[in-house]
């Protein structure tokens, strides 16, 4: 038959639902550990820091993907905005930038994410 069976499509949907947050968590964890390492030797502390940061980001991303569709478009856009702003601000603060610069840069990123997500949700509903 040319049609896919429901079991096969359900399995792909589950793996695709996990793939994005897991990949994001891995990239975020490696990036955070790399920034914290600051060209020094790789230590257990750096690896543990990267793993914890990656797991937290993946868990929050997974939770947002599972629950954000139940929110109105404004709150959905704000939830992704807060997630992106906090995640970026944390990474930026690891670079030894001042707190004021970290806050300003994360607000700029958050404003861009809000604009894009609100536009997407507004035009697709």
PDB file of N, CA and C in Angstrom:
ATOM      1  N   UNK A   1       0.819  -1.176   0.000  1.00  0.00           N
ATOM      2  CA  UNK A   1       0.000   0.000   0.000  1.00  0.00           C
ATOM      3  C   UNK A   1       0.871   1.251   0.000  1.00  0.00           C
ATOM      4  N   UNK A   2       0.332   2.288  -0.533  1.00  0.00           N
ATOM      5  CA  UNK A   2       1.062   3.544  -0.612  1.00  0.00           C
ATOM      6  C   UNK A   2       0.914   4.377   0.652  1.00  0.00           C
ATOM      7  N   UNK A   3      -0.022   4.005   1.518  1.00  0.00           N
ATOM      8  CA  UNK A   3      -0.251   4.776   2.726  1.00  0.00           C
ATOM      9  C   UNK A   3       0.586   4.227   3.879  1.00  0.00           C
ATOM     10  N   UNK A   4       1.006   5.135   4.740  1.00  0.00           N
ATOM     11  CA  UNK A   4       1.766   4.712   5.913  1.00  0.00           C
ATOM     12  C   UNK A   4       0.812   4.223   6.991  1.00  0.00           C
ATOM     13  N   UNK A   5       1.244   3.270   7.750  1.00  0.00           N
ATOM     14  CA  UNK A   5       0.394   2.757   8.817  1.00  0.00           C
ATOM     15  C   UNK A   5       0.393   3.742   9.983  1.00  0.00           C
ATOM     16  N   UNK A   6      -0.667   3.760  10.789  1.00  0.00           N
ATOM     17  CA  UNK A   6      -0.724   4.691  11.915  1.00  0.00           C
ATOM     18  C   UNK A   6       0.403   4.468  12.922  1.00  0.00           C
ATOM     19  N   UNK A   7       0.823   3.235  13.103  1.00  0.00           N
ATOM     20  CA  UNK A   7       1.898   2.979  14.062  1.00  0.00           C
ATOM     21  C   UNK A   7       3.210   3.623  13.613  1.00  0.00           C
ATOM     22  N   UNK A   8       3.474   3.580  12.327  1.00  0.00           N
ATOM     23  CA  UNK A   8       4.721   4.154  11.824  1.00  0.00           C
ATOM     24  C   UNK A   8       4.709   5.679  11.943  1.00  0.00           C
ATOM     25  N   UNK A   9       3.590   6.308  11.641  1.00  0.00           N
ATOM     26  CA  UNK A   9       3.537   7.763  11.731  1.00  0.00           C
ATOM     27  C   UNK A   9       3.548   8.220  13.180  1.00  0.00           C
ATOM     28  N   UNK A  10       2.936   7.460  14.088  1.00  0.00           N
ATOM     29  CA  UNK A  10       2.953   7.823  15.497  1.00  0.00           C
ATOM     30  C   UNK A  10       4.355   7.772  16.066  1.00  0.00           C
ATOM     31  N   UNK A  11       5.137   6.785  15.656  1.00  0.00           N
ATOM     32  CA  UNK A  11       6.513   6.660  16.147  1.00  0.00           C
ATOM     33  C   UNK A  11       7.359   7.834  15.671  1.00  0.00           C
ATOM     34  N   UNK A  12       7.180   8.236  14.437  1.00  0.00           N
ATOM     35  CA  UNK A  12       7.940   9.379  13.924  1.00  0.00           C
ATOM     36  C   UNK A  12       7.535  10.658  14.633  1.00  0.00           C
ATOM     37  N   UNK A  13       6.256  10.801  14.937  1.00  0.00           N
ATOM     38  CA  UNK A  13       5.802  12.009  15.616  1.00  0.00           C
ATOM     39  C   UNK A  13       6.396  12.102  17.017  1.00  0.00           C
ATOM     40  N   UNK A  14       6.501  10.981  17.706  1.00  0.00           N
ATOM     41  CA  UNK A  14       7.080  10.995  19.048  1.00  0.00           C
ATOM     42  C   UNK A  14       8.563  11.328  18.979  1.00  0.00           C
ATOM     43  N   UNK A  15       9.277  10.711  18.058  1.00  0.00           N
ATOM     44  CA  UNK A  15      10.713  10.991  17.961  1.00  0.00           C
ATOM     45  C   UNK A  15      10.965  12.417  17.486  1.00  0.00           C
ATOM     46  N   UNK A  16      10.132  12.942  16.615  1.00  0.00           N
ATOM     47  CA  UNK A  16      10.297  14.327  16.168  1.00  0.00           C
ATOM     48  C   UNK A  16       9.963  15.296  17.292  1.00  0.00           C
ATOM     49  N   UNK A  17       9.049  14.911  18.173  1.00  0.00           N
ATOM     50  CA  UNK A  17       8.679  15.772  19.290  1.00  0.00           C
ATOM     51  C   UNK A  17       9.827  15.901  20.292  1.00  0.00           C
ATOM     52  N   UNK A  18      10.630  14.870  20.434  1.00  0.00           N
ATOM     53  CA  UNK A  18      11.778  14.878  21.331  1.00  0.00           C
ATOM     54  C   UNK A  18      13.045  15.388  20.663  1.00  0.00           C
ATOM     55  N   UNK A  19      13.147  15.250  19.357  1.00  0.00           N
ATOM     56  CA  UNK A  19      14.404  15.546  18.662  1.00  0.00           C
ATOM     57  C   UNK A  19      14.809  17.011  18.786  1.00  0.00           C
ATOM     58  N   UNK A  20      13.879  17.922  18.613  1.00  0.00           N
ATOM     59  CA  UNK A  20      14.206  19.347  18.687  1.00  0.00           C
ATOM     60  C   UNK A  20      14.741  19.768  20.040  1.00  0.00           C
ATOM     61  N   UNK A  21      14.007  19.492  21.132  1.00  0.00           N
ATOM     62  CA  UNK A  21      14.525  19.879  22.450  1.00  0.00           C
ATOM     63  C   UNK A  21      15.834  19.186  22.820  1.00  0.00           C
ATOM     64  N   UNK A  22      15.985  17.919  22.452  1.00  0.00           N
ATOM     65  CA  UNK A  22      17.227  17.212  22.783  1.00  0.00           C
ATOM     66  C   UNK A  22      18.403  17.828  22.029  1.00  0.00           C
ATOM     67  N   UNK A  23      18.227  18.093  20.759  1.00  0.00           N
ATOM     68  CA  UNK A  23      19.296  18.710  19.975  1.00  0.00           C
ATOM     69  C   UNK A  23      19.630  20.104  20.509  1.00  0.00           C
ATOM     70  N   UNK A  24      18.604  20.868  20.839  1.00  0.00           N
ATOM     71  CA  UNK A  24      18.833  22.196  21.414  1.00  0.00           C
ATOM     72  C   UNK A  24      19.577  22.094  22.741  1.00  0.00           C
ATOM     73  N   UNK A  25      19.207  21.125  23.578  1.00  0.00           N
ATOM     74  CA  UNK A  25      19.877  20.944  24.857  1.00  0.00           C
ATOM     75  C   UNK A  25      21.337  20.564  24.694  1.00  0.00           C
ATOM     76  N   UNK A  26      21.625  19.705  23.725  1.00  0.00           N
ATOM     77  CA  UNK A  26      23.024  19.314  23.483  1.00  0.00           C
ATOM     78  C   UNK A  26      23.851  20.507  23.025  1.00  0.00           C
ATOM     79  N   UNK A  27      23.334  21.242  22.056  1.00  0.00           N
ATOM     80  CA  UNK A  27      24.065  22.409  21.543  1.00  0.00           C
ATOM     81  C   UNK A  27      24.253  23.453  22.638  1.00  0.00           C
ATOM     82  N   UNK A  28      23.191  23.709  23.400  1.00  0.00           N
ATOM     83  CA  UNK A  28      23.270  24.703  24.476  1.00  0.00           C
ATOM     84  C   UNK A  28      24.265  24.272  25.540  1.00  0.00           C
ATOM     85  N   UNK A  29      24.242  23.003  25.928  1.00  0.00           N
ATOM     86  CA  UNK A  29      25.162  22.510  26.945  1.00  0.00           C
ATOM     87  C   UNK A  29      26.610  22.592  26.516  1.00  0.00           C
ATOM     88  N   UNK A  30      26.884  22.212  25.271  1.00  0.00           N
ATOM     89  CA  UNK A  30      28.255  22.296  24.761  1.00  0.00           C
ATOM     90  C   UNK A  30      28.704  23.751  24.683  1.00  0.00           C
ATOM     91  N   UNK A  31      27.813  24.623  24.238  1.00  0.00           N
ATOM     92  CA  UNK A  31      28.134  26.040  24.125  1.00  0.00           C
ATOM     93  C   UNK A  31      28.409  26.641  25.511  1.00  0.00           C
ATOM     94  N   UNK A  32      27.559  26.329  26.492  1.00  0.00           N
ATOM     95  CA  UNK A  32      27.745  26.863  27.843  1.00  0.00           C
ATOM     96  C   UNK A  32      29.036  26.348  28.460  1.00  0.00           C
ATOM     97  N   UNK A  33      29.312  25.065  28.271  1.00  0.00           N
ATOM     98  CA  UNK A  33      30.551  24.505  28.823  1.00  0.00           C
ATOM     99  C   UNK A  33      31.767  25.114  28.140  1.00  0.00           C
ATOM    100  N   UNK A  34      31.676  25.357  26.844  1.00  0.00           N
ATOM    101  CA  UNK A  34      32.786  25.970  26.119  1.00  0.00           C
ATOM    102  C   UNK A  34      33.062  27.388  26.563  1.00  0.00           C
ATOM    103  N   UNK A  35      32.005  28.143  26.820  1.00  0.00           N
ATOM    104  CA  UNK A  35      32.196  29.519  27.285  1.00  0.00           C
ATOM    105  C   UNK A  35      32.790  29.521  28.690  1.00  0.00           C
ATOM    106  N   UNK A  36      32.272  28.652  29.534  1.00  0.00           N
ATOM    107  CA  UNK A  36      32.773  28.609  30.914  1.00  0.00           C
ATOM    108  C   UNK A  36      34.213  28.102  30.988  1.00  0.00           C
ATOM    109  N   UNK A  37      34.583  27.222  30.078  1.00  0.00           N
ATOM    110  CA  UNK A  37      35.942  26.673  30.062  1.00  0.00           C
ATOM    111  C   UNK A  37      36.955  27.760  29.784  1.00  0.00           C
ATOM    112  N   UNK A  38      36.628  28.711  28.909  1.00  0.00           N
ATOM    113  CA  UNK A  38      37.464  29.873  28.598  1.00  0.00           C
ATOM    114  C   UNK A  38      38.877  29.464  28.178  1.00  0.00           C
ATOM    115  N   UNK A  39      38.973  28.550  27.232  1.00  0.00           N
ATOM    116  CA  UNK A  39      40.219  28.086  26.629  1.00  0.00           C
ATOM    117  C   UNK A  39      41.141  27.369  27.606  1.00  0.00           C
ATOM    118  N   UNK A  40      40.616  26.985  28.748  1.00  0.00           N
ATOM    119  CA  UNK A  40      41.412  26.219  29.706  1.00  0.00           C
ATOM    120  C   UNK A  40      41.201  24.730  29.473  1.00  0.00           C
ATOM    121  N   UNK A  41      41.686  23.925  30.369  1.00  0.00           N
ATOM    122  CA  UNK A  41      41.516  22.477  30.214  1.00  0.00           C
ATOM    123  C   UNK A  41      40.067  22.061  30.474  1.00  0.00           C
ATOM    124  N   UNK A  42      39.690  20.967  29.867  1.00  0.00           N
ATOM    125  CA  UNK A  42      38.361  20.415  30.102  1.00  0.00           C
ATOM    126  C   UNK A  42      38.376  19.707  31.449  1.00  0.00           C
ATOM    127  N   UNK A  43      37.479  20.148  32.329  1.00  0.00           N
ATOM    128  CA  UNK A  43      37.424  19.562  33.661  1.00  0.00           C
ATOM    129  C   UNK A  43      36.060  18.917  33.880  1.00  0.00           C
ATOM    130  N   UNK A  44      35.967  18.144  34.941  1.00  0.00           N
ATOM    131  CA  UNK A  44      34.695  17.510  35.279  1.00  0.00           C
ATOM    132  C   UNK A  44      33.637  18.552  35.592  1.00  0.00           C
ATOM    133  N   UNK A  45      34.045  19.630  36.228  1.00  0.00           N
ATOM    134  CA  UNK A  45      33.113  20.717  36.540  1.00  0.00           C
ATOM    135  C   UNK A  45      32.520  21.351  35.291  1.00  0.00           C
ATOM    136  N   UNK A  46      33.346  21.556  34.275  1.00  0.00           N
ATOM    137  CA  UNK A  46      32.850  22.131  33.017  1.00  0.00           C
ATOM    138  C   UNK A  46      31.868  21.190  32.331  1.00  0.00           C
ATOM    139  N   UNK A  47      32.213  19.916  32.315  1.00  0.00           N
ATOM    140  CA  UNK A  47      31.335  18.943  31.674  1.00  0.00           C
ATOM    141  C   UNK A  47      30.009  18.847  32.422  1.00  0.00           C
ATOM    142  N   UNK A  48      30.069  18.794  33.751  1.00  0.00           N
ATOM    143  CA  UNK A  48      28.849  18.736  34.556  1.00  0.00           C
ATOM    144  C   UNK A  48      28.009  19.992  34.365  1.00  0.00           C
ATOM    145  N   UNK A  49      28.654  21.140  34.301  1.00  0.00           N
ATOM    146  CA  UNK A  49      27.943  22.398  34.064  1.00  0.00           C
ATOM    147  C   UNK A  49      27.214  22.363  32.727  1.00  0.00           C
ATOM    148  N   UNK A  50      27.889  21.892  31.693  1.00  0.00           N
ATOM    149  CA  UNK A  50      27.270  21.808  30.374  1.00  0.00           C
ATOM    150  C   UNK A  50      26.110  20.823  30.342  1.00  0.00           C
ATOM    151  N   UNK A  51      26.267  19.691  31.007  1.00  0.00           N
ATOM    152  CA  UNK A  51      25.193  18.690  31.037  1.00  0.00           C
ATOM    153  C   UNK A  51      23.964  19.239  31.758  1.00  0.00           C
ATOM    154  N   UNK A  52      24.177  19.865  32.907  1.00  0.00           N
ATOM    155  CA  UNK A  52      23.051  20.416  33.665  1.00  0.00           C
ATOM    156  C   UNK A  52      22.364  21.534  32.883  1.00  0.00           C
ATOM    157  N   UNK A  53      23.134  22.429  32.299  1.00  0.00           N
ATOM    158  CA  UNK A  53      22.547  23.517  31.507  1.00  0.00           C
ATOM    159  C   UNK A  53      21.765  22.962  30.321  1.00  0.00           C
ATOM    160  N   UNK A  54      22.323  21.967  29.638  1.00  0.00           N
ATOM    161  CA  UNK A  54      21.643  21.374  28.500  1.00  0.00           C
ATOM    162  C   UNK A  54      20.368  20.651  28.888  1.00  0.00           C
ATOM    163  N   UNK A  55      20.394  19.933  29.996  1.00  0.00           N
ATOM    164  CA  UNK A  55      19.196  19.215  30.453  1.00  0.00           C
ATOM    165  C   UNK A  55      18.099  20.199  30.834  1.00  0.00           C
ATOM    166  N   UNK A  56      18.455  21.272  31.510  1.00  0.00           N
ATOM    167  CA  UNK A  56      17.450  22.270  31.895  1.00  0.00           C
ATOM    168  C   UNK A  56      16.833  22.915  30.666  1.00  0.00           C
ATOM    169  N   UNK A  57      17.646  23.305  29.706  1.00  0.00           N
ATOM    170  CA  UNK A  57      17.121  23.942  28.491  1.00  0.00           C
ATOM    171  C   UNK A  57      16.253  22.967  27.707  1.00  0.00           C
ATOM    172  N   UNK A  58      16.684  21.720  27.587  1.00  0.00           N
ATOM    173  CA  UNK A  58      15.889  20.724  26.862  1.00  0.00           C
ATOM    174  C   UNK A  58      14.570  20.467  27.565  1.00  0.00           C
ATOM    175  N   UNK A  59      14.571  20.397  28.897  1.00  0.00           N
ATOM    176  CA  UNK A  59      13.335  20.146  29.636  1.00  0.00           C
ATOM    177  C   UNK A  59      12.351  21.299  29.501  1.00  0.00           C
ATOM    178  N   UNK A  60      12.849  22.520  29.593  1.00  0.00           N
ATOM    179  CA  UNK A  60      11.965  23.679  29.458  1.00  0.00           C
ATOM    180  C   UNK A  60      11.427  23.780  28.032  1.00  0.00           C
ATOM    181  N   UNK A  61      12.276  23.529  27.057  1.00  0.00           N
ATOM    182  CA  UNK A  61      11.833  23.566  25.660  1.00  0.00           C
ATOM    183  C   UNK A  61      10.780  22.493  25.400  1.00  0.00           C
ATOM    184  N   UNK A  62      11.004  21.298  25.927  1.00  0.00           N
ATOM    185  CA  UNK A  62      10.025  20.223  25.760  1.00  0.00           C
ATOM    186  C   UNK A  62       8.704  20.585  26.432  1.00  0.00           C
ATOM    187  N   UNK A  63       8.758  21.143  27.638  1.00  0.00           N
ATOM    188  CA  UNK A  63       7.538  21.536  28.338  1.00  0.00           C
ATOM    189  C   UNK A  63       6.795  22.632  27.583  1.00  0.00           C
ATOM    190  N   UNK A  64       7.530  23.590  27.035  1.00  0.00           N
ATOM    191  CA  UNK A  64       6.883  24.647  26.251  1.00  0.00           C
ATOM    192  C   UNK A  64       6.226  24.090  24.993  1.00  0.00           C
ATOM    193  N   UNK A  65       6.895  23.176  24.337  1.00  0.00           N
ATOM    194  CA  UNK A  65       6.318  22.594  23.119  1.00  0.00           C
ATOM    195  C   UNK A  65       5.058  21.798  23.424  1.00  0.00           C
ATOM    196  N   UNK A  66       5.020  21.163  24.599  1.00  0.00           N
ATOM    197  CA  UNK A  66       3.844  20.366  24.961  1.00  0.00           C
ATOM    198  C   UNK A  66       2.684  21.222  25.421  1.00  0.00           C
ATOM    199  N   UNK A  67       2.945  22.354  26.068  1.00  0.00           N
ATOM    200  CA  UNK A  67       1.860  23.125  26.678  1.00  0.00           C
ATOM    201  C   UNK A  67       1.557  24.454  26.002  1.00  0.00           C
ATOM    202  N   UNK A  68       2.434  24.964  25.180  1.00  0.00           N
ATOM    203  CA  UNK A  68       2.234  26.306  24.618  1.00  0.00           C
ATOM    204  C   UNK A  68       1.027  26.379  23.693  1.00  0.00           C
ATOM    205  N   UNK A  69       0.664  25.286  23.044  1.00  0.00           N
ATOM    206  CA  UNK A  69      -0.461  25.342  22.108  1.00  0.00           C
ATOM    207  C   UNK A  69      -1.794  25.579  22.816  1.00  0.00           C
ATOM    208  N   UNK A  70      -1.849  25.377  24.126  1.00  0.00           N
ATOM    209  CA  UNK A  70      -3.087  25.614  24.864  1.00  0.00           C
ATOM    210  C   UNK A  70      -3.258  27.073  25.257  1.00  0.00           C
ATOM    211  N   UNK A  71      -2.216  27.860  25.131  1.00  0.00           N
ATOM    212  CA  UNK A  71      -2.255  29.266  25.523  1.00  0.00           C
ATOM    213  C   UNK A  71      -2.753  30.134  24.366  1.00  0.00           C
ATOM    214  N   UNK A  72      -3.324  31.306  24.700  1.00  0.00           N
ATOM    215  CA  UNK A  72      -3.640  32.258  23.629  1.00  0.00           C
ATOM    216  C   UNK A  72      -2.359  32.748  22.972  1.00  0.00           C
ATOM    217  N   UNK A  73      -2.483  33.287  21.779  1.00  0.00           N
ATOM    218  CA  UNK A  73      -1.281  33.608  20.996  1.00  0.00           C
ATOM    219  C   UNK A  73      -0.363  34.602  21.693  1.00  0.00           C
ATOM    220  N   UNK A  74      -0.929  35.551  22.454  1.00  0.00           N
ATOM    221  CA  UNK A  74      -0.078  36.526  23.136  1.00  0.00           C
ATOM    222  C   UNK A  74       0.771  35.858  24.222  1.00  0.00           C
ATOM    223  N   UNK A  75       0.135  35.008  25.027  1.00  0.00           N
ATOM    224  CA  UNK A  75       0.877  34.322  26.080  1.00  0.00           C
ATOM    225  C   UNK A  75       1.840  33.288  25.514  1.00  0.00           C
ATOM    226  N   UNK A  76       1.455  32.663  24.408  1.00  0.00           N
ATOM    227  CA  UNK A  76       2.358  31.707  23.762  1.00  0.00           C
ATOM    228  C   UNK A  76       3.611  32.423  23.279  1.00  0.00           C
ATOM    229  N   UNK A  77       3.433  33.567  22.645  1.00  0.00           N
ATOM    230  CA  UNK A  77       4.590  34.344  22.178  1.00  0.00           C
ATOM    231  C   UNK A  77       5.427  34.820  23.360  1.00  0.00           C
ATOM    232  N   UNK A  78       4.775  35.238  24.447  1.00  0.00           N
ATOM    233  CA  UNK A  78       5.524  35.681  25.623  1.00  0.00           C
ATOM    234  C   UNK A  78       6.280  34.541  26.298  1.00  0.00           C
ATOM    235  N   UNK A  79       5.723  33.338  26.282  1.00  0.00           N
ATOM    236  CA  UNK A  79       6.429  32.221  26.906  1.00  0.00           C
ATOM    237  C   UNK A  79       7.702  31.878  26.126  1.00  0.00           C
ATOM    238  N   UNK A  80       7.622  31.869  24.795  1.00  0.00           N
ATOM    239  CA  UNK A  80       8.823  31.618  23.997  1.00  0.00           C
ATOM    240  C   UNK A  80       9.799  32.785  24.111  1.00  0.00           C
ATOM    241  N   UNK A  81       9.274  34.002  24.265  1.00  0.00           N
ATOM    242  CA  UNK A  81      10.119  35.171  24.441  1.00  0.00           C
ATOM    243  C   UNK A  81      10.913  35.080  25.742  1.00  0.00           C
ATOM    244  N   UNK A  82      10.234  34.721  26.816  1.00  0.00           N
ATOM    245  CA  UNK A  82      10.914  34.589  28.102  1.00  0.00           C
ATOM    246  C   UNK A  82      11.969  33.485  28.046  1.00  0.00           C
ATOM    247  N   UNK A  83      11.623  32.365  27.437  1.00  0.00           N
ATOM    248  CA  UNK A  83      12.571  31.261  27.318  1.00  0.00           C
ATOM    249  C   UNK A  83      13.823  31.688  26.548  1.00  0.00           C
ATOM    250  N   UNK A  84      13.630  32.309  25.400  1.00  0.00           N
ATOM    251  CA  UNK A  84      14.776  32.721  24.581  1.00  0.00           C
ATOM    252  C   UNK A  84      15.589  33.810  25.265  1.00  0.00           C
ATOM    253  N   UNK A  85      14.922  34.784  25.881  1.00  0.00           N
ATOM    254  CA  UNK A  85      15.636  35.867  26.547  1.00  0.00           C
ATOM    255  C   UNK A  85      16.460  35.386  27.724  1.00  0.00           C
ATOM    256  N   UNK A  86      15.876  34.490  28.529  1.00  0.00           N
ATOM    257  CA  UNK A  86      16.606  33.970  29.685  1.00  0.00           C
ATOM    258  C   UNK A  86      17.765  33.090  29.239  1.00  0.00           C
ATOM    259  N   UNK A  87      17.516  32.227  28.272  1.00  0.00           N
ATOM    260  CA  UNK A  87      18.581  31.328  27.799  1.00  0.00           C
ATOM    261  C   UNK A  87      19.735  32.113  27.192  1.00  0.00           C
ATOM    262  N   UNK A  88      19.421  33.102  26.369  1.00  0.00           N
ATOM    263  CA  UNK A  88      20.480  33.904  25.766  1.00  0.00           C
ATOM    264  C   UNK A  88      21.184  34.755  26.817  1.00  0.00           C
ATOM    265  N   UNK A  89      20.427  35.347  27.722  1.00  0.00           N
ATOM    266  CA  UNK A  89      21.026  36.183  28.760  1.00  0.00           C
ATOM    267  C   UNK A  89      21.983  35.407  29.646  1.00  0.00           C
ATOM    268  N   UNK A  90      21.626  34.154  29.953  1.00  0.00           N
ATOM    269  CA  UNK A  90      22.518  33.329  30.763  1.00  0.00           C
ATOM    270  C   UNK A  90      23.821  33.046  30.014  1.00  0.00           C
ATOM    271  N   UNK A  91      23.709  32.664  28.751  1.00  0.00           N
ATOM    272  CA  UNK A  91      24.929  32.413  27.976  1.00  0.00           C
ATOM    273  C   UNK A  91      25.779  33.668  27.854  1.00  0.00           C
ATOM    274  N   UNK A  92      25.117  34.803  27.627  1.00  0.00           N
ATOM    275  CA  UNK A  92      25.862  36.046  27.466  1.00  0.00           C
ATOM    276  C   UNK A  92      26.540  36.456  28.770  1.00  0.00           C
ATOM    277  N   UNK A  93      25.906  36.164  29.901  1.00  0.00           N
ATOM    278  CA  UNK A  93      26.508  36.524  31.182  1.00  0.00           C
ATOM    279  C   UNK A  93      27.733  35.678  31.491  1.00  0.00           C
ATOM    280  N   UNK A  94      27.852  34.513  30.877  1.00  0.00           N
ATOM    281  CA  UNK A  94      29.036  33.676  31.078  1.00  0.00           C
ATOM    282  C   UNK A  94      30.284  34.258  30.431  1.00  0.00           C
ATOM    283  N   UNK A  95      30.123  35.222  29.549  1.00  0.00           N
ATOM    284  CA  UNK A  95      31.260  35.807  28.833  1.00  0.00           C
ATOM    285  C   UNK A  95      31.939  36.923  29.609  1.00  0.00           C
ATOM    286  N   UNK A  96      31.609  37.084  30.870  1.00  0.00           N
ATOM    287  CA  UNK A  96      32.168  38.136  31.732  1.00  0.00           C
ATOM    288  C   UNK A  96      31.766  39.533  31.293  1.00  0.00           C
ATOM    289  N   UNK A  97      30.629  39.642  30.626  1.00  0.00           N
ATOM    290  CA  UNK A  97      30.097  40.955  30.283  1.00  0.00           C
ATOM    291  C   UNK A  97      29.440  41.551  31.529  1.00  0.00           C
ATOM    292  N   UNK A  98      29.261  42.858  31.541  1.00  0.00           N
ATOM    293  CA  UNK A  98      28.602  43.484  32.678  1.00  0.00           C
ATOM    294  C   UNK A  98      27.142  43.044  32.717  1.00  0.00           C
ATOM    295  N   UNK A  99      26.531  43.183  33.875  1.00  0.00           N
ATOM    296  CA  UNK A  99      25.144  42.768  34.030  1.00  0.00           C
ATOM    297  C   UNK A  99      24.225  43.651  33.177  1.00  0.00           C
ATOM    298  N   UNK A 100      24.547  44.922  33.069  1.00  0.00           N
ATOM    299  CA  UNK A 100      23.740  45.829  32.262  1.00  0.00           C
ATOM    300  C   UNK A 100      23.775  45.420  30.787  1.00  0.00           C
ATOM    301  N   UNK A 101      24.953  45.095  30.298  1.00  0.00           N
ATOM    302  CA  UNK A 101      25.073  44.660  28.905  1.00  0.00           C
ATOM    303  C   UNK A 101      24.363  43.327  28.679  1.00  0.00           C
ATOM    304  N   UNK A 102      24.450  42.409  29.636  1.00  0.00           N
ATOM    305  CA  UNK A 102      23.760  41.132  29.508  1.00  0.00           C
ATOM    306  C   UNK A 102      22.248  41.327  29.450  1.00  0.00           C
ATOM    307  N   UNK A 103      21.739  42.206  30.300  1.00  0.00           N
ATOM    308  CA  UNK A 103      20.302  42.467  30.317  1.00  0.00           C
ATOM    309  C   UNK A 103      19.861  43.125  29.015  1.00  0.00           C
ATOM    310  N   UNK A 104      20.605  44.095  28.550  1.00  0.00           N
ATOM    311  CA  UNK A 104      20.235  44.788  27.310  1.00  0.00           C
ATOM    312  C   UNK A 104      20.263  43.832  26.116  1.00  0.00           C
ATOM    313  N   UNK A 105      21.300  43.022  26.028  1.00  0.00           N
ATOM    314  CA  UNK A 105      21.389  42.078  24.903  1.00  0.00           C
ATOM    315  C   UNK A 105      20.268  41.038  24.961  1.00  0.00           C
ATOM    316  N   UNK A 106      19.944  40.546  26.152  1.00  0.00           N
ATOM    317  CA  UNK A 106      18.870  39.567  26.237  1.00  0.00           C
ATOM    318  C   UNK A 106      17.519  40.198  25.945  1.00  0.00           C
ATOM    319  N   UNK A 107      17.325  41.463  26.303  1.00  0.00           N
ATOM    320  CA  UNK A 107      16.080  42.148  25.951  1.00  0.00           C
ATOM    321  C   UNK A 107      15.958  42.365  24.442  1.00  0.00           C
ATOM    322  N   UNK A 108      17.070  42.630  23.798  1.00  0.00           N
ATOM    323  CA  UNK A 108      17.050  42.780  22.336  1.00  0.00           C
ATOM    324  C   UNK A 108      16.680  41.458  21.671  1.00  0.00           C
ATOM    325  N   UNK A 109      17.289  40.381  22.138  1.00  0.00           N
ATOM    326  CA  UNK A 109      16.963  39.057  21.587  1.00  0.00           C
ATOM    327  C   UNK A 109      15.505  38.715  21.885  1.00  0.00           C
ATOM    328  N   UNK A 110      15.051  38.982  23.097  1.00  0.00           N
ATOM    329  CA  UNK A 110      13.674  38.683  23.473  1.00  0.00           C
ATOM    330  C   UNK A 110      12.684  39.492  22.640  1.00  0.00           C
ATOM    331  N   UNK A 111      13.005  40.738  22.355  1.00  0.00           N
ATOM    332  CA  UNK A 111      12.109  41.558  21.524  1.00  0.00           C
ATOM    333  C   UNK A 111      12.001  40.989  20.116  1.00  0.00           C
ATOM    334  N   UNK A 112      13.118  40.539  19.570  1.00  0.00           N
ATOM    335  CA  UNK A 112      13.080  39.923  18.248  1.00  0.00           C
ATOM    336  C   UNK A 112      12.285  38.629  18.238  1.00  0.00           C
ATOM    337  N   UNK A 113      12.464  37.814  19.264  1.00  0.00           N
ATOM    338  CA  UNK A 113      11.714  36.560  19.348  1.00  0.00           C
ATOM    339  C   UNK A 113      10.226  36.839  19.503  1.00  0.00           C
ATOM    340  N   UNK A 114       9.862  37.829  20.329  1.00  0.00           N
ATOM    341  CA  UNK A 114       8.449  38.159  20.487  1.00  0.00           C
ATOM    342  C   UNK A 114       7.838  38.624  19.171  1.00  0.00           C
ATOM    343  N   UNK A 115       8.557  39.463  18.460  1.00  0.00           N
ATOM    344  CA  UNK A 115       8.046  39.954  17.183  1.00  0.00           C
ATOM    345  C   UNK A 115       7.810  38.804  16.210  1.00  0.00           C
ATOM    346  N   UNK A 116       8.765  37.923  16.091  1.00  0.00           N
ATOM    347  CA  UNK A 116       8.633  36.806  15.159  1.00  0.00           C
ATOM    348  C   UNK A 116       7.559  35.811  15.569  1.00  0.00           C
ATOM    349  N   UNK A 117       7.529  35.442  16.850  1.00  0.00           N
ATOM    350  CA  UNK A 117       6.547  34.445  17.276  1.00  0.00           C
ATOM    351  C   UNK A 117       5.137  35.009  17.265  1.00  0.00           C
ATOM    352  N   UNK A 118       4.960  36.249  17.701  1.00  0.00           N
ATOM    353  CA  UNK A 118       3.621  36.827  17.677  1.00  0.00           C
ATOM    354  C   UNK A 118       3.118  36.950  16.249  1.00  0.00           C
ATOM    355  N   UNK A 119       3.965  37.375  15.343  1.00  0.00           N
ATOM    356  CA  UNK A 119       3.570  37.467  13.938  1.00  0.00           C
ATOM    357  C   UNK A 119       3.177  36.101  13.385  1.00  0.00           C
ATOM    358  N   UNK A 120       3.952  35.095  13.701  1.00  0.00           N
ATOM    359  CA  UNK A 120       3.652  33.741  13.215  1.00  0.00           C
ATOM    360  C   UNK A 120       2.327  33.249  13.774  1.00  0.00           C
ATOM    361  N   UNK A 121       2.118  33.399  15.087  1.00  0.00           N
ATOM    362  CA  UNK A 121       0.881  32.912  15.690  1.00  0.00           C
ATOM    363  C   UNK A 121      -0.315  33.740  15.236  1.00  0.00           C
ATOM    364  N   UNK A 122      -0.136  35.028  15.028  1.00  0.00           N
ATOM    365  CA  UNK A 122      -1.240  35.900  14.594  1.00  0.00           C
ATOM    366  C   UNK A 122      -1.666  35.559  13.169  1.00  0.00           C
ATOM    367  N   UNK A 123      -0.701  35.254  12.308  1.00  0.00           N
ATOM    368  CA  UNK A 123      -1.049  35.007  10.906  1.00  0.00           C
ATOM    369  C   UNK A 123      -1.476  33.557  10.637  1.00  0.00           C
ATOM    370  N   UNK A 124      -1.181  32.639  11.535  1.00  0.00           N
ATOM    371  CA  UNK A 124      -1.571  31.250  11.297  1.00  0.00           C
ATOM    372  C   UNK A 124      -2.843  30.829  12.025  1.00  0.00           C
ATOM    373  N   UNK A 125      -3.397  31.667  12.891  1.00  0.00           N
ATOM    374  CA  UNK A 125      -4.640  31.296  13.561  1.00  0.00           C
ATOM    375  C   UNK A 125      -5.837  31.738  12.747  1.00  0.00           C
TER     376      UNK A 125
END
